[in-house]
Protein backbone atom coordinates (compact mmCIF):
# COMPACT_ATOMS: atom_id res chain seq x y z
CA MET A 1 35.64 9.29 -12.96
CA CYS A 2 36.83 12.29 -14.67
CA GLY A 3 35.59 15.97 -14.56
CA PRO A 4 34.02 17.87 -11.86
CA VAL A 5 31.79 16.21 -9.49
CA ARG A 6 28.10 17.21 -9.79
CA CYS A 7 25.43 17.46 -6.78
CA GLU A 8 23.75 14.47 -8.38
CA GLN A 9 26.73 12.41 -8.03
CA VAL A 10 26.75 13.09 -4.30
CA ALA A 11 23.11 13.35 -3.32
CA ASP A 12 22.51 9.60 -2.78
CA ASP A 13 25.52 9.43 -0.30
CA LEU A 14 24.56 12.52 1.99
CA ALA A 15 22.23 10.64 4.08
CA GLY A 16 24.65 8.00 4.87
CA VAL A 17 27.27 10.72 5.42
CA ALA A 18 24.78 12.38 8.07
CA ASP A 19 24.37 9.25 10.01
CA GLY A 20 27.95 8.06 9.75
CA SER A 21 27.40 5.00 7.66
CA ALA A 22 29.02 6.28 4.69
CA LEU A 23 32.28 8.24 3.81
CA LEU A 24 32.86 10.30 0.76
CA ASP A 25 36.00 9.75 -1.45
CA PRO A 26 38.15 12.80 -1.39
CA ARG A 27 36.86 14.35 -4.70
CA ARG A 28 33.42 14.08 -3.45
CA ARG A 29 34.18 15.46 0.04
CA ARG A 30 35.88 18.51 -1.60
CA HIS A 31 32.74 19.09 -3.61
CA VAL A 32 30.49 19.06 -0.60
CA GLU A 33 32.99 21.36 1.23
CA GLN A 34 32.54 23.89 -1.77
CA CYS A 35 28.97 23.21 -2.58
CA LEU A 36 26.19 25.38 -0.72
CA ARG A 37 23.43 23.15 -1.98
CA CYS A 38 25.15 19.81 -0.96
CA GLN A 39 25.98 21.48 2.34
CA ALA A 40 22.37 22.54 2.86
CA ASP A 41 21.20 18.87 2.06
CA LEU A 42 23.67 17.45 4.57
CA VAL A 43 22.43 19.84 7.24
CA HIS A 44 18.69 18.86 6.23
CA TYR A 45 19.43 15.11 6.82
CA ARG A 46 21.28 15.92 10.27
CA ARG A 47 18.27 17.72 11.43
CA ILE A 48 16.01 14.91 10.27
CA LEU A 49 18.02 12.37 12.15
CA ARG A 50 18.21 14.64 15.29
CA ALA A 51 14.19 14.90 15.23
CA MET A 52 14.06 11.22 14.87
CA ARG A 53 16.08 10.63 18.03
CA VAL A 54 13.89 13.10 20.03
CA MET A 55 10.96 11.25 18.76
CA ARG A 56 12.34 7.92 20.03
CA THR A 57 12.27 9.47 23.52
CA GLU A 58 8.74 11.07 23.57
CA ILE A 59 5.82 9.50 24.88
CA LEU A 60 2.76 10.64 23.27
CA GLU A 61 -0.62 10.33 25.17
CA PRO A 62 -3.71 9.65 22.99
CA ALA A 63 -6.71 12.00 23.38
CA PRO A 64 -9.24 10.89 25.68
CA GLY A 65 -11.74 8.56 23.89
CA LEU A 66 -9.73 8.15 20.94
CA LEU A 67 -8.90 4.54 21.48
CA ALA A 68 -12.86 3.64 21.88
CA GLU A 69 -13.45 5.69 18.55
CA VAL A 70 -10.82 3.78 16.74
CA LEU A 71 -11.93 0.35 17.89
CA ALA A 72 -15.67 1.29 17.23
CA ASN A 73 -14.60 2.39 13.47
CA LEU A 74 -12.73 -0.79 13.05
CA GLU A 75 -15.67 -2.91 14.29
CA GLU A 76 -18.09 -0.96 12.01
CA ALA A 77 -15.73 -1.48 8.97
CA GLY A 78 -15.52 -5.15 9.89
CA GLU A 79 -19.25 -5.35 9.87
CA ARG A 80 -19.58 -3.82 6.63
CA GLN A 81 -16.96 -6.03 4.99
CA ALA A 82 -18.92 -9.11 6.24
CA ILE A 83 -22.19 -7.89 4.92
CA ARG A 84 -20.30 -7.27 1.59
CA LEU A 85 -19.01 -10.77 1.64
CA ILE A 86 -22.67 -12.34 2.37
CA LEU A 87 -24.10 -10.13 -0.20
CA SER A 88 -21.52 -11.18 -3.00
CA GLY A 89 -22.06 -14.81 -1.78
CA ARG A 90 -25.73 -14.52 -2.23
CA ARG A 91 -25.08 -12.98 -5.75
CA VAL A 92 -23.11 -16.13 -6.60
CA ALA A 93 -25.87 -18.41 -5.17
CA TYR A 94 -28.37 -16.43 -7.20
CA LEU A 95 -26.51 -16.63 -10.37
CA SER A 96 -25.96 -20.34 -9.90
CA GLY A 97 -29.59 -20.76 -9.22
CA ILE A 98 -30.47 -18.79 -12.47
CA ALA A 99 -27.91 -20.94 -14.29
CA ALA A 100 -29.43 -24.15 -12.90
CA ALA A 101 -32.92 -23.13 -13.69
CA THR A 102 -31.77 -22.28 -17.40
CA ALA A 103 -30.06 -25.46 -17.87
CA ALA A 104 -33.03 -27.47 -16.52
CA GLY A 105 -35.29 -25.53 -18.65
CA ALA A 106 -33.14 -26.32 -21.71
CA ALA A 107 -32.92 -30.01 -20.79
CA GLY A 108 -36.68 -30.09 -20.22
CA ALA A 109 -37.22 -28.55 -23.76
CA LEU A 110 -34.87 -31.20 -25.20
CA VAL A 111 -36.80 -34.03 -23.56
CA VAL A 112 -40.20 -32.57 -24.95
CA ALA A 113 -38.83 -32.14 -28.36
CA THR A 114 -37.27 -35.73 -28.39
CA ARG A 115 -40.66 -37.05 -27.17
CA HIS A 116 -42.63 -35.01 -29.90
CA ARG A 117 -40.30 -36.25 -32.73
CA ARG A 118 -40.77 -40.11 -31.49
CA ALA A 119 -44.52 -39.35 -31.44
CA SER A 120 -44.58 -38.22 -34.97
């Protein structure tokens, strides 16, 4: 790779550098040491990692009644879905019935027409 290193060439590696899973080659390391934008990005990644570590140790208590509200909403959504499935199943049954009635009507008309021709 010739020429100066650009921020875009280093950007994907900065998260790995922040968590210690990646190392920069000397050219890219020099770029980060001299580039305020890349330094700021590196600091940003380190802050995110610190915040994530703190979040792992925190225990969050749900608001009173939240669990009951969530369960009620899930139950209601499940009932709505069941009703939709039943209604869509009925639509299929109605359409099948209409198709069968139409086919039976056509078959009946064919029988009547055939009998009428034989009688003539």
